[in-house]
Amino acid sequence: MQHTDALRTTAWLIMGSTGSTPGVLELVDGRVRFTAAGRGALTGGQLTELERRSGRVGLVAQLDRGSSVTVFDAPRQAVTEVKFPWYYFGGGMKLTVEKAPYRFSFLQPQNTQEWPGIDGIPGGRAAGKLWRAALG
């Protein structure tokens, strides 16, 4: 999961109180990237907001089709306001990428279908520790 200069974990981008989409969060060669795998449990309004935040024209249509889409790919320096709130119990974080806020959970939300990559609560908390070490 972690190399000396790379980090790649399963994560859910969280929007609102119940919206989320699974994907892969990576730190590679000094860049932070999130690639969403379809729309997940995001509403139409949340998809539209995600397209606005990311600046990726066509993101809504691509995620609606179930495609994998890179939501952001930015230099590490463009990632600011990295926080690991206590109420995520070590399994999530908030960050800002080029002035756009994002929230991530490394624990699978209850209203989603099973998705590979995280081994329950221990795996989600371990992923949180790796991200805290890399960005915190």
N, C-alpha and C. Protein backbone atom coordinates (compact mmCIF):
# COMPACT_ATOMS: atom_id res chain seq x y z
N MET A 1 0.82 -1.19 0.00
CA MET A 1 0.00 0.00 0.00
C MET A 1 0.86 1.25 0.00
N GLN A 2 2.00 1.23 0.67
CA GLN A 2 2.84 2.41 0.73
C GLN A 2 4.25 2.05 0.28
N HIS A 3 4.84 2.93 -0.52
CA HIS A 3 6.23 2.82 -0.92
C HIS A 3 6.94 4.04 -0.38
N THR A 4 8.22 4.16 -0.60
CA THR A 4 8.94 5.29 -0.04
C THR A 4 8.44 6.62 -0.58
N ASP A 5 8.00 6.66 -1.83
CA ASP A 5 7.56 7.93 -2.41
C ASP A 5 6.14 7.86 -2.97
N ALA A 6 5.39 6.82 -2.65
CA ALA A 6 4.05 6.66 -3.20
C ALA A 6 3.10 6.11 -2.15
N LEU A 7 1.84 6.51 -2.27
CA LEU A 7 0.79 6.05 -1.38
C LEU A 7 -0.47 5.90 -2.22
N ARG A 8 -1.16 4.77 -2.06
CA ARG A 8 -2.37 4.51 -2.85
C ARG A 8 -3.33 3.73 -1.96
N THR A 9 -4.50 4.32 -1.69
CA THR A 9 -5.49 3.64 -0.86
C THR A 9 -6.89 3.81 -1.46
N THR A 10 -7.76 2.90 -1.07
CA THR A 10 -9.18 3.05 -1.36
C THR A 10 -9.71 4.15 -0.46
N ALA A 11 -10.59 4.98 -1.00
CA ALA A 11 -11.21 6.05 -0.21
C ALA A 11 -12.58 6.36 -0.79
N TRP A 12 -13.44 6.89 0.05
CA TRP A 12 -14.74 7.37 -0.42
C TRP A 12 -14.76 8.87 -0.28
N LEU A 13 -15.05 9.56 -1.39
CA LEU A 13 -15.25 11.00 -1.36
C LEU A 13 -16.64 11.20 -0.78
N ILE A 14 -16.75 12.01 0.26
CA ILE A 14 -17.99 12.21 0.98
C ILE A 14 -18.55 13.59 0.65
N MET A 15 -19.86 13.64 0.37
CA MET A 15 -20.54 14.91 0.16
C MET A 15 -21.86 14.88 0.92
N GLY A 16 -22.17 15.96 1.64
CA GLY A 16 -23.39 15.99 2.43
C GLY A 16 -23.32 14.95 3.54
N SER A 17 -24.49 14.56 4.05
CA SER A 17 -24.50 13.60 5.15
C SER A 17 -24.56 12.15 4.68
N THR A 18 -25.00 11.91 3.43
CA THR A 18 -25.11 10.52 2.97
C THR A 18 -24.52 10.28 1.59
N GLY A 19 -24.03 11.30 0.91
CA GLY A 19 -23.49 11.12 -0.43
C GLY A 19 -22.03 10.69 -0.41
N SER A 20 -21.69 9.72 -1.25
CA SER A 20 -20.30 9.29 -1.34
C SER A 20 -20.07 8.57 -2.66
N THR A 21 -18.82 8.54 -3.07
CA THR A 21 -18.43 7.73 -4.22
C THR A 21 -17.08 7.10 -3.92
N PRO A 22 -16.92 5.80 -4.24
CA PRO A 22 -15.65 5.14 -3.97
C PRO A 22 -14.61 5.49 -5.03
N GLY A 23 -13.36 5.29 -4.66
CA GLY A 23 -12.30 5.52 -5.62
C GLY A 23 -10.94 5.24 -5.02
N VAL A 24 -9.93 5.79 -5.66
CA VAL A 24 -8.55 5.59 -5.24
C VAL A 24 -7.92 6.95 -5.01
N LEU A 25 -7.34 7.13 -3.81
CA LEU A 25 -6.63 8.34 -3.46
C LEU A 25 -5.15 8.00 -3.49
N GLU A 26 -4.38 8.82 -4.22
CA GLU A 26 -2.96 8.52 -4.41
C GLU A 26 -2.09 9.74 -4.15
N LEU A 27 -0.87 9.47 -3.70
CA LEU A 27 0.20 10.44 -3.63
C LEU A 27 1.37 9.81 -4.38
N VAL A 28 1.65 10.32 -5.57
CA VAL A 28 2.69 9.75 -6.42
C VAL A 28 3.50 10.88 -7.04
N ASP A 29 4.80 10.77 -6.95
CA ASP A 29 5.70 11.76 -7.55
C ASP A 29 5.34 13.19 -7.17
N GLY A 30 4.97 13.39 -5.89
CA GLY A 30 4.66 14.74 -5.41
C GLY A 30 3.30 15.26 -5.82
N ARG A 31 2.43 14.40 -6.35
CA ARG A 31 1.10 14.81 -6.77
C ARG A 31 0.05 14.01 -6.00
N VAL A 32 -1.04 14.68 -5.67
CA VAL A 32 -2.16 14.04 -4.99
C VAL A 32 -3.29 13.92 -6.00
N ARG A 33 -3.85 12.71 -6.10
CA ARG A 33 -4.87 12.43 -7.12
C ARG A 33 -5.99 11.61 -6.52
N PHE A 34 -7.23 11.95 -6.89
CA PHE A 34 -8.36 11.10 -6.53
C PHE A 34 -9.09 10.72 -7.81
N THR A 35 -9.29 9.42 -8.00
CA THR A 35 -10.02 8.89 -9.15
C THR A 35 -11.26 8.20 -8.62
N ALA A 36 -12.42 8.75 -8.98
CA ALA A 36 -13.70 8.19 -8.55
C ALA A 36 -14.10 7.06 -9.48
N ALA A 37 -14.74 6.04 -8.92
CA ALA A 37 -15.20 4.88 -9.69
C ALA A 37 -16.72 4.92 -9.78
N GLY A 38 -17.23 5.68 -10.71
CA GLY A 38 -18.68 5.81 -10.86
C GLY A 38 -19.28 6.78 -9.88
N ARG A 39 -20.60 6.91 -9.92
CA ARG A 39 -21.29 7.92 -9.12
C ARG A 39 -21.50 7.49 -7.67
N GLY A 40 -21.40 6.20 -7.39
CA GLY A 40 -21.61 5.74 -6.02
C GLY A 40 -22.97 6.14 -5.52
N ALA A 41 -23.02 6.74 -4.31
CA ALA A 41 -24.28 7.17 -3.70
C ALA A 41 -24.42 8.69 -3.74
N LEU A 42 -23.89 9.32 -4.80
CA LEU A 42 -24.02 10.77 -4.94
C LEU A 42 -25.32 11.11 -5.64
N THR A 43 -26.01 12.13 -5.16
CA THR A 43 -27.23 12.60 -5.81
C THR A 43 -26.86 13.42 -7.04
N GLY A 44 -27.85 13.74 -7.84
CA GLY A 44 -27.60 14.58 -9.01
C GLY A 44 -27.02 15.93 -8.64
N GLY A 45 -27.54 16.54 -7.58
CA GLY A 45 -27.02 17.83 -7.13
C GLY A 45 -25.59 17.73 -6.64
N GLN A 46 -25.28 16.65 -5.94
CA GLN A 46 -23.90 16.46 -5.46
C GLN A 46 -22.94 16.24 -6.61
N LEU A 47 -23.38 15.50 -7.63
CA LEU A 47 -22.54 15.32 -8.83
C LEU A 47 -22.26 16.65 -9.50
N THR A 48 -23.30 17.47 -9.63
CA THR A 48 -23.13 18.79 -10.25
C THR A 48 -22.16 19.65 -9.45
N GLU A 49 -22.27 19.61 -8.12
CA GLU A 49 -21.37 20.36 -7.26
C GLU A 49 -19.93 19.83 -7.39
N LEU A 50 -19.78 18.52 -7.49
CA LEU A 50 -18.45 17.93 -7.65
C LEU A 50 -17.83 18.37 -8.98
N GLU A 51 -18.62 18.41 -10.03
CA GLU A 51 -18.12 18.88 -11.33
C GLU A 51 -17.68 20.34 -11.22
N ARG A 52 -18.46 21.17 -10.53
CA ARG A 52 -18.11 22.58 -10.35
C ARG A 52 -16.80 22.71 -9.57
N ARG A 53 -16.69 22.00 -8.45
CA ARG A 53 -15.48 22.08 -7.62
C ARG A 53 -14.24 21.64 -8.38
N SER A 54 -14.38 20.55 -9.10
CA SER A 54 -13.22 19.97 -9.77
C SER A 54 -12.83 20.72 -11.04
N GLY A 55 -13.81 21.42 -11.64
CA GLY A 55 -13.54 22.09 -12.91
C GLY A 55 -13.46 21.13 -14.07
N ARG A 56 -13.89 19.88 -13.88
CA ARG A 56 -13.82 18.84 -14.91
C ARG A 56 -15.14 18.79 -15.67
N VAL A 57 -15.19 19.44 -16.82
CA VAL A 57 -16.39 19.45 -17.64
C VAL A 57 -16.70 18.03 -18.10
N GLY A 58 -17.95 17.62 -17.97
CA GLY A 58 -18.35 16.28 -18.37
C GLY A 58 -18.25 15.25 -17.27
N LEU A 59 -17.80 15.65 -16.09
CA LEU A 59 -17.63 14.71 -14.98
C LEU A 59 -18.95 14.03 -14.62
N VAL A 60 -20.06 14.79 -14.59
CA VAL A 60 -21.36 14.21 -14.23
C VAL A 60 -21.72 13.07 -15.17
N ALA A 61 -21.63 13.31 -16.46
CA ALA A 61 -22.01 12.29 -17.45
C ALA A 61 -21.11 11.06 -17.34
N GLN A 62 -19.81 11.28 -17.15
CA GLN A 62 -18.88 10.16 -17.05
C GLN A 62 -19.16 9.30 -15.82
N LEU A 63 -19.36 9.93 -14.67
CA LEU A 63 -19.64 9.18 -13.45
C LEU A 63 -21.00 8.50 -13.53
N ASP A 64 -21.97 9.16 -14.17
CA ASP A 64 -23.30 8.56 -14.36
C ASP A 64 -23.22 7.27 -15.17
N ARG A 65 -22.27 7.22 -16.12
CA ARG A 65 -22.09 6.01 -16.94
C ARG A 65 -21.30 4.92 -16.20
N GLY A 66 -20.82 5.24 -15.01
CA GLY A 66 -20.04 4.27 -14.25
C GLY A 66 -18.56 4.30 -14.57
N SER A 67 -18.13 5.30 -15.30
CA SER A 67 -16.71 5.41 -15.66
C SER A 67 -15.87 5.84 -14.46
N SER A 68 -14.60 5.52 -14.50
CA SER A 68 -13.64 6.04 -13.53
C SER A 68 -13.16 7.39 -14.03
N VAL A 69 -13.17 8.38 -13.15
CA VAL A 69 -12.82 9.75 -13.54
C VAL A 69 -11.88 10.34 -12.51
N THR A 70 -10.80 10.98 -12.97
CA THR A 70 -9.91 11.69 -12.07
C THR A 70 -10.59 12.99 -11.67
N VAL A 71 -10.90 13.12 -10.39
CA VAL A 71 -11.59 14.31 -9.87
C VAL A 71 -10.58 15.44 -9.69
N PHE A 72 -9.41 15.12 -9.16
CA PHE A 72 -8.33 16.11 -9.09
C PHE A 72 -6.99 15.41 -9.17
N ASP A 73 -6.01 16.14 -9.66
CA ASP A 73 -4.63 15.69 -9.78
C ASP A 73 -3.79 16.94 -9.64
N ALA A 74 -3.25 17.15 -8.44
CA ALA A 74 -2.60 18.43 -8.14
C ALA A 74 -1.26 18.21 -7.44
N PRO A 75 -0.35 19.17 -7.58
CA PRO A 75 0.90 19.07 -6.83
C PRO A 75 0.62 19.10 -5.33
N ARG A 76 1.44 18.43 -4.57
CA ARG A 76 1.27 18.37 -3.11
C ARG A 76 1.12 19.77 -2.51
N GLN A 77 1.83 20.75 -3.04
CA GLN A 77 1.78 22.11 -2.52
C GLN A 77 0.40 22.74 -2.66
N ALA A 78 -0.40 22.26 -3.60
CA ALA A 78 -1.75 22.79 -3.83
C ALA A 78 -2.77 22.18 -2.87
N VAL A 79 -2.34 21.21 -2.07
CA VAL A 79 -3.22 20.57 -1.09
C VAL A 79 -2.99 21.25 0.25
N THR A 80 -4.04 21.92 0.74
CA THR A 80 -3.93 22.69 1.97
C THR A 80 -5.04 22.30 2.94
N GLU A 81 -5.01 22.90 4.11
CA GLU A 81 -6.05 22.71 5.12
C GLU A 81 -6.35 21.23 5.37
N VAL A 82 -5.29 20.44 5.46
CA VAL A 82 -5.45 19.00 5.70
C VAL A 82 -5.77 18.80 7.18
N LYS A 83 -6.91 18.15 7.44
CA LYS A 83 -7.36 17.93 8.81
C LYS A 83 -7.84 16.49 8.97
N PHE A 84 -7.62 15.97 10.16
CA PHE A 84 -8.06 14.62 10.52
C PHE A 84 -8.96 14.75 11.75
N PRO A 85 -10.23 15.14 11.52
CA PRO A 85 -11.12 15.41 12.65
C PRO A 85 -11.30 14.21 13.57
N TRP A 86 -11.39 14.48 14.86
CA TRP A 86 -11.53 13.41 15.86
C TRP A 86 -12.76 12.56 15.58
N TYR A 87 -13.83 13.16 15.04
CA TYR A 87 -15.07 12.42 14.83
C TYR A 87 -15.00 11.46 13.65
N TYR A 88 -13.87 11.42 12.92
CA TYR A 88 -13.65 10.40 11.89
C TYR A 88 -12.92 9.20 12.50
N PHE A 89 -12.56 9.29 13.79
CA PHE A 89 -11.92 8.20 14.52
C PHE A 89 -10.70 7.63 13.80
N GLY A 90 -9.93 8.52 13.15
CA GLY A 90 -8.72 8.10 12.46
C GLY A 90 -8.96 7.51 11.08
N GLY A 91 -10.22 7.45 10.66
CA GLY A 91 -10.54 6.82 9.38
C GLY A 91 -11.01 7.79 8.31
N GLY A 92 -10.62 9.06 8.41
CA GLY A 92 -11.03 10.02 7.39
C GLY A 92 -10.28 11.32 7.51
N MET A 93 -10.43 12.16 6.49
CA MET A 93 -9.75 13.45 6.51
C MET A 93 -10.50 14.45 5.63
N LYS A 94 -10.18 15.71 5.89
CA LYS A 94 -10.68 16.83 5.08
C LYS A 94 -9.45 17.51 4.49
N LEU A 95 -9.59 18.01 3.29
CA LEU A 95 -8.50 18.76 2.68
C LEU A 95 -9.06 19.70 1.62
N THR A 96 -8.23 20.64 1.23
CA THR A 96 -8.59 21.58 0.17
C THR A 96 -7.57 21.41 -0.94
N VAL A 97 -8.07 21.27 -2.16
CA VAL A 97 -7.21 21.14 -3.33
C VAL A 97 -7.50 22.30 -4.26
N GLU A 98 -6.50 23.15 -4.44
CA GLU A 98 -6.66 24.33 -5.30
C GLU A 98 -7.96 25.06 -4.98
N LYS A 99 -8.17 25.35 -3.69
CA LYS A 99 -9.29 26.12 -3.15
C LYS A 99 -10.62 25.38 -3.12
N ALA A 100 -10.67 24.11 -3.51
CA ALA A 100 -11.90 23.32 -3.47
C ALA A 100 -11.84 22.34 -2.30
N PRO A 101 -12.85 22.34 -1.42
CA PRO A 101 -12.84 21.43 -0.28
C PRO A 101 -13.31 20.02 -0.65
N TYR A 102 -12.68 19.04 -0.02
CA TYR A 102 -13.06 17.64 -0.20
C TYR A 102 -12.99 16.94 1.15
N ARG A 103 -13.86 15.93 1.33
CA ARG A 103 -13.84 15.09 2.53
C ARG A 103 -13.71 13.64 2.08
N PHE A 104 -12.90 12.90 2.81
CA PHE A 104 -12.67 11.49 2.47
C PHE A 104 -12.86 10.61 3.69
N SER A 105 -13.41 9.43 3.45
CA SER A 105 -13.48 8.38 4.46
C SER A 105 -12.70 7.18 3.94
N PHE A 106 -11.93 6.58 4.83
CA PHE A 106 -11.23 5.35 4.50
C PHE A 106 -12.02 4.14 5.01
N LEU A 107 -13.17 4.43 5.59
CA LEU A 107 -14.10 3.41 6.07
C LEU A 107 -15.32 3.42 5.16
N GLN A 108 -15.76 2.29 4.72
CA GLN A 108 -16.88 2.21 3.79
C GLN A 108 -18.16 2.74 4.43
N PRO A 109 -18.80 3.74 3.80
CA PRO A 109 -20.07 4.24 4.32
C PRO A 109 -21.13 3.14 4.31
N GLN A 110 -22.05 3.20 5.26
CA GLN A 110 -23.05 2.16 5.41
C GLN A 110 -24.02 2.07 4.24
N ASN A 111 -24.26 3.17 3.54
CA ASN A 111 -25.25 3.15 2.47
C ASN A 111 -24.65 2.81 1.10
N THR A 112 -23.50 2.12 1.09
CA THR A 112 -22.84 1.80 -0.17
C THR A 112 -22.69 0.29 -0.33
N GLN A 113 -22.47 -0.11 -1.59
CA GLN A 113 -22.20 -1.51 -1.87
C GLN A 113 -20.74 -1.81 -1.53
N GLU A 114 -20.48 -3.07 -1.24
CA GLU A 114 -19.11 -3.48 -0.91
C GLU A 114 -18.16 -3.10 -2.05
N TRP A 115 -17.01 -2.60 -1.68
CA TRP A 115 -16.01 -2.18 -2.66
C TRP A 115 -14.67 -2.69 -2.19
N PRO A 116 -13.85 -3.26 -3.06
CA PRO A 116 -12.58 -3.86 -2.62
C PRO A 116 -11.55 -2.85 -2.15
N GLY A 117 -10.68 -3.30 -1.27
CA GLY A 117 -9.52 -2.49 -0.94
C GLY A 117 -9.31 -2.17 0.51
N ILE A 118 -10.37 -2.09 1.31
CA ILE A 118 -10.20 -1.75 2.72
C ILE A 118 -10.70 -2.92 3.55
N ASP A 119 -9.92 -3.29 4.55
CA ASP A 119 -10.27 -4.40 5.42
C ASP A 119 -10.96 -3.86 6.68
N GLY A 120 -12.21 -3.44 6.55
CA GLY A 120 -13.00 -3.00 7.69
C GLY A 120 -12.40 -1.82 8.43
N ILE A 121 -12.78 -1.70 9.69
CA ILE A 121 -12.35 -0.57 10.52
C ILE A 121 -10.83 -0.56 10.70
N PRO A 122 -10.17 -1.68 11.00
CA PRO A 122 -8.71 -1.62 11.15
C PRO A 122 -8.01 -1.14 9.87
N GLY A 123 -8.48 -1.61 8.71
CA GLY A 123 -7.87 -1.19 7.45
C GLY A 123 -8.09 0.29 7.16
N GLY A 124 -9.29 0.77 7.47
CA GLY A 124 -9.59 2.19 7.27
C GLY A 124 -8.77 3.09 8.17
N ARG A 125 -8.61 2.68 9.41
CA ARG A 125 -7.81 3.47 10.35
C ARG A 125 -6.32 3.42 9.97
N ALA A 126 -5.86 2.27 9.47
CA ALA A 126 -4.47 2.17 9.03
C ALA A 126 -4.22 3.09 7.84
N ALA A 127 -5.19 3.16 6.90
CA ALA A 127 -5.06 4.08 5.76
C ALA A 127 -5.02 5.52 6.25
N GLY A 128 -5.86 5.85 7.23
CA GLY A 128 -5.84 7.21 7.80
C GLY A 128 -4.49 7.56 8.38
N LYS A 129 -3.85 6.61 9.06
CA LYS A 129 -2.51 6.85 9.62
C LYS A 129 -1.49 7.12 8.54
N LEU A 130 -1.58 6.37 7.44
CA LEU A 130 -0.65 6.58 6.34
C LEU A 130 -0.81 7.98 5.74
N TRP A 131 -2.06 8.41 5.56
CA TRP A 131 -2.31 9.73 5.00
C TRP A 131 -1.90 10.84 5.96
N ARG A 132 -2.11 10.61 7.24
CA ARG A 132 -1.68 11.61 8.23
C ARG A 132 -0.16 11.78 8.17
N ALA A 133 0.56 10.67 8.05
CA ALA A 133 2.03 10.72 7.96
C ALA A 133 2.46 11.42 6.67
N ALA A 134 1.72 11.21 5.59
CA ALA A 134 2.10 11.79 4.30
C ALA A 134 1.73 13.25 4.17
N LEU A 135 0.57 13.66 4.70
CA LEU A 135 0.08 15.02 4.48
C LEU A 135 -0.06 15.86 5.75
N GLY A 136 -0.12 15.20 6.90
CA GLY A 136 -0.47 15.88 8.16
C GLY A 136 0.57 16.72 8.74
